[in-house]
Amino acid sequence: MNELPAFTAHATATIDEGCSIGNGTKIWHYSHISPRARIGEGCSLGQNVFVAPGVSIGNGCKIQNNVSIYEGVTLEDYVFCGPSMVFTNVRTPRSEFPRNTSADYTPTLVKRGASIGANATIVTGITLHEGAFVAAGAVVTRDVPAYTIVAGVPARPTGFMSASGDILDFSQSDTVTDSTGHTYQKMSDTDIRRLS
């Protein structure tokens, strides 16, 4: 197995003491990694990315330009965050009465292989399950089931997608094989399972 090189960061990036960054991760211009943030191996963080204290990012994640990952957000392995997508972390923000302790933040979980399109908004407290796909510009206000595509404002299910990005058409059968040979089964409209 090839060992990844140490992480690299552009000279304009701010890397605070006390964070952890995995080998092979690349951090681009004007990004800021806060203390206690944990970033896995082989990630790419684009220009002007902010990672708040205590955030956990798995291996192989791609975070495009102008994305802020606030405290309370967890990204598992191979998550894609499109340009300028938004996470929130407080349900009732007020400027005069700030919520600024960990107890005020509602956790958001993005599971392995989920993708979030450009300019989408993920409202705090949401779970995007494995392989979920959020279309560009969507506003997600509820959990997204595994391998489900959501779009619109507010986001609603529009179809299904495999881990490799193939559209899954269950109109002829409850079991579908994608172009990479992996098989998926539709148990219900909200329960798609990868069998192999």
Protein backbone atom coordinates (compact mmCIF):
# COMPACT_ATOMS: atom_id res chain seq x y z
CA MET A 1 0.00 0.00 0.00
CA ASN A 2 1.36 3.41 -0.96
CA GLU A 3 1.79 5.80 1.92
CA LEU A 4 0.32 9.27 1.41
CA PRO A 5 2.62 12.28 1.77
CA ALA A 6 2.11 14.74 4.60
CA PHE A 7 -0.65 17.31 4.09
CA THR A 8 0.03 20.48 2.10
CA ALA A 9 -1.42 23.96 2.65
CA HIS A 10 -1.11 27.14 0.59
CA ALA A 11 0.90 29.91 2.25
CA THR A 12 -2.27 32.01 2.70
CA ALA A 13 -4.09 29.27 4.64
CA THR A 14 -4.39 29.57 8.43
CA ILE A 15 -3.75 26.30 10.26
CA ASP A 16 -4.36 26.76 14.00
CA GLU A 17 -2.46 24.77 16.61
CA GLY A 18 -4.27 21.79 18.03
CA CYS A 19 -5.93 20.59 14.83
CA SER A 20 -5.25 17.25 13.16
CA ILE A 21 -4.83 16.93 9.38
CA GLY A 22 -4.27 13.60 7.64
CA ASN A 23 -1.60 12.74 5.11
CA GLY A 24 -2.25 13.65 1.49
CA THR A 25 -4.80 16.35 2.32
CA LYS A 26 -4.52 19.60 0.33
CA ILE A 27 -5.69 22.95 1.69
CA TRP A 28 -5.97 25.83 -0.76
CA HIS A 29 -5.84 29.65 -0.62
CA TYR A 30 -7.28 31.61 2.33
CA SER A 31 -8.75 28.60 4.11
CA HIS A 32 -8.85 28.42 7.92
CA ILE A 33 -8.60 25.25 10.00
CA SER A 34 -9.51 25.84 13.67
CA PRO A 35 -8.18 24.19 16.83
CA ARG A 36 -9.53 20.69 17.63
CA ALA A 37 -10.71 20.20 14.04
CA ARG A 38 -9.94 16.73 12.70
CA ILE A 39 -9.47 16.22 8.95
CA GLY A 40 -8.75 12.79 7.49
CA GLU A 41 -6.37 11.62 4.79
CA GLY A 42 -6.56 12.46 1.10
CA CYS A 43 -9.02 15.34 1.43
CA SER A 44 -9.18 18.47 -0.73
CA LEU A 45 -10.29 21.77 0.80
CA GLY A 46 -10.74 24.51 -1.79
CA GLN A 47 -10.25 28.24 -1.55
CA ASN A 48 -11.83 30.10 1.39
CA VAL A 49 -12.96 27.02 3.33
CA PHE A 50 -13.56 27.43 7.07
CA VAL A 51 -13.46 24.45 9.45
CA ALA A 52 -14.69 25.32 12.95
CA PRO A 53 -13.31 23.99 16.24
CA GLY A 54 -14.19 20.38 16.96
CA VAL A 55 -15.43 19.56 13.46
CA SER A 56 -14.68 16.03 12.23
CA ILE A 57 -14.04 15.36 8.53
CA GLY A 58 -13.37 11.82 7.29
CA ASN A 59 -10.98 10.51 4.64
CA GLY A 60 -11.26 11.38 0.96
CA CYS A 61 -13.65 14.32 1.36
CA LYS A 62 -13.81 17.08 -1.28
CA ILE A 63 -14.89 20.48 0.00
CA GLN A 64 -15.16 23.06 -2.76
CA ASN A 65 -14.60 26.83 -2.59
CA ASN A 66 -16.40 29.06 -0.06
CA VAL A 67 -17.76 26.36 2.26
CA SER A 68 -17.93 26.85 6.05
CA ILE A 69 -18.21 23.75 8.21
CA TYR A 70 -19.45 24.93 11.58
CA GLU A 71 -19.17 23.33 15.01
CA GLY A 72 -21.60 20.43 15.34
CA VAL A 73 -21.12 19.19 11.75
CA THR A 74 -19.56 15.78 11.09
CA LEU A 75 -18.58 14.54 7.63
CA GLU A 76 -17.85 10.85 7.22
CA ASP A 77 -15.55 9.47 4.49
CA TYR A 78 -15.84 10.53 0.83
CA VAL A 79 -18.33 13.35 1.31
CA PHE A 80 -18.56 15.97 -1.47
CA CYS A 81 -19.50 19.57 -0.59
CA GLY A 82 -20.15 21.70 -3.69
CA PRO A 83 -19.10 25.35 -4.07
CA SER A 84 -20.75 27.80 -1.66
CA MET A 85 -23.07 25.22 -0.08
CA VAL A 86 -24.11 26.14 3.47
CA PHE A 87 -24.34 24.32 6.79
CA THR A 88 -26.22 25.93 9.67
CA ASN A 89 -25.70 24.91 13.30
CA VAL A 90 -28.22 26.92 15.37
CA ARG A 91 -32.00 26.57 15.05
CA THR A 92 -32.92 30.03 16.41
CA PRO A 93 -30.02 32.44 15.81
CA ARG A 94 -30.21 35.96 17.26
CA SER A 95 -27.54 38.63 17.06
CA GLU A 96 -28.49 40.24 20.38
CA PHE A 97 -28.62 36.88 22.20
CA PRO A 98 -25.85 34.80 20.64
CA ARG A 99 -25.77 31.04 20.83
CA ASN A 100 -22.09 30.33 21.07
CA THR A 101 -21.52 27.28 23.22
CA SER A 102 -21.41 23.65 22.12
CA ALA A 103 -24.71 23.04 23.94
CA ASP A 104 -26.39 25.53 21.58
CA TYR A 105 -25.34 23.66 18.42
CA THR A 106 -27.55 20.95 16.94
CA PRO A 107 -25.50 18.10 15.42
CA THR A 108 -25.56 17.54 11.67
CA LEU A 109 -24.25 14.25 10.24
CA VAL A 110 -23.28 13.65 6.62
CA LYS A 111 -22.65 9.95 6.11
CA ARG A 112 -20.20 8.19 3.82
CA GLY A 113 -20.35 9.05 0.14
CA ALA A 114 -23.07 11.71 0.35
CA SER A 115 -22.89 14.64 -2.11
CA ILE A 116 -24.18 18.17 -1.61
CA GLY A 117 -24.55 20.39 -4.68
CA ALA A 118 -23.46 24.00 -5.16
CA ASN A 119 -25.39 26.62 -3.16
CA ALA A 120 -27.45 24.02 -1.30
CA THR A 121 -28.37 24.70 2.34
CA ILE A 122 -28.40 22.00 5.02
CA VAL A 123 -30.50 23.09 7.99
CA THR A 124 -29.02 22.05 11.32
CA GLY A 125 -29.97 18.74 12.92
CA ILE A 126 -30.19 16.87 9.61
CA THR A 127 -28.69 13.49 8.74
CA LEU A 128 -27.76 12.85 5.12
CA HIS A 129 -27.53 9.07 4.96
CA GLU A 130 -25.00 7.04 2.98
CA GLY A 131 -24.85 7.97 -0.69
CA ALA A 132 -27.53 10.69 -0.41
CA PHE A 133 -27.45 13.27 -3.22
CA VAL A 134 -28.57 16.87 -2.65
CA ALA A 135 -29.13 18.83 -5.87
CA ALA A 136 -27.67 22.30 -6.41
CA GLY A 137 -29.65 25.04 -4.68
CA ALA A 138 -31.78 22.69 -2.58
CA VAL A 139 -32.77 23.61 0.97
CA VAL A 140 -32.72 20.46 3.09
CA THR A 141 -35.01 20.63 6.12
CA ARG A 142 -35.31 16.93 6.96
CA ASP A 143 -33.19 13.78 6.89
CA VAL A 144 -32.32 12.34 3.47
CA PRO A 145 -32.46 8.53 3.18
CA ALA A 146 -29.58 6.50 1.76
CA TYR A 147 -29.03 6.71 -2.02
CA THR A 148 -31.91 9.20 -2.41
CA ILE A 149 -31.79 12.30 -4.62
CA VAL A 150 -33.46 15.42 -3.23
CA ALA A 151 -34.05 18.75 -4.98
CA GLY A 152 -36.00 21.96 -4.55
CA VAL A 153 -37.04 24.37 -1.79
CA PRO A 154 -37.77 22.70 0.50
CA ALA A 155 -35.95 19.62 -0.78
CA ARG A 156 -38.10 16.64 -1.79
CA PRO A 157 -37.09 13.18 -3.09
CA THR A 158 -36.86 13.01 -6.89
CA GLY A 159 -35.13 9.67 -7.48
CA PHE A 160 -32.32 7.36 -6.46
CA MET A 161 -28.58 7.21 -7.14
CA SER A 162 -25.92 4.57 -6.58
CA ALA A 163 -22.70 5.17 -4.66
CA SER A 164 -20.88 5.54 -7.99
CA GLY A 165 -23.33 8.16 -9.32
CA ASP A 166 -25.60 6.04 -11.53
CA ILE A 167 -29.32 6.81 -11.53
CA LEU A 168 -31.20 3.81 -10.11
CA ASP A 169 -34.44 3.06 -11.94
CA PHE A 170 -36.68 0.78 -9.88
CA SER A 171 -39.67 1.07 -12.25
CA GLN A 172 -39.17 -2.46 -13.66
CA SER A 173 -37.76 -4.23 -10.62
CA ASP A 174 -37.09 -3.70 -6.92
CA THR A 175 -33.49 -4.81 -7.52
CA VAL A 176 -31.09 -2.88 -9.77
CA THR A 177 -27.40 -3.34 -10.61
CA ASP A 178 -25.35 -0.22 -11.39
CA SER A 179 -22.55 0.17 -13.96
CA THR A 180 -19.92 -0.93 -11.43
CA GLY A 181 -21.70 -4.21 -10.64
CA HIS A 182 -23.13 -3.20 -7.27
CA THR A 183 -26.72 -4.24 -6.55
CA TYR A 184 -29.35 -2.12 -4.80
CA GLN A 185 -32.77 -3.13 -3.51
CA LYS A 186 -35.76 -0.87 -2.96
CA MET A 187 -37.43 -1.89 0.28
CA SER A 188 -39.74 1.16 0.29
CA ASP A 189 -39.74 4.75 -1.00
CA THR A 190 -37.48 5.70 1.92
CA ASP A 191 -35.37 2.55 2.23
CA ILE A 192 -32.83 1.73 -0.49
CA ARG A 193 -30.21 -0.84 0.45
CA ARG A 194 -26.94 -1.73 -1.19
CA LEU A 195 -26.73 -5.52 -1.32
CA SER A 196 -23.26 -5.91 -2.83
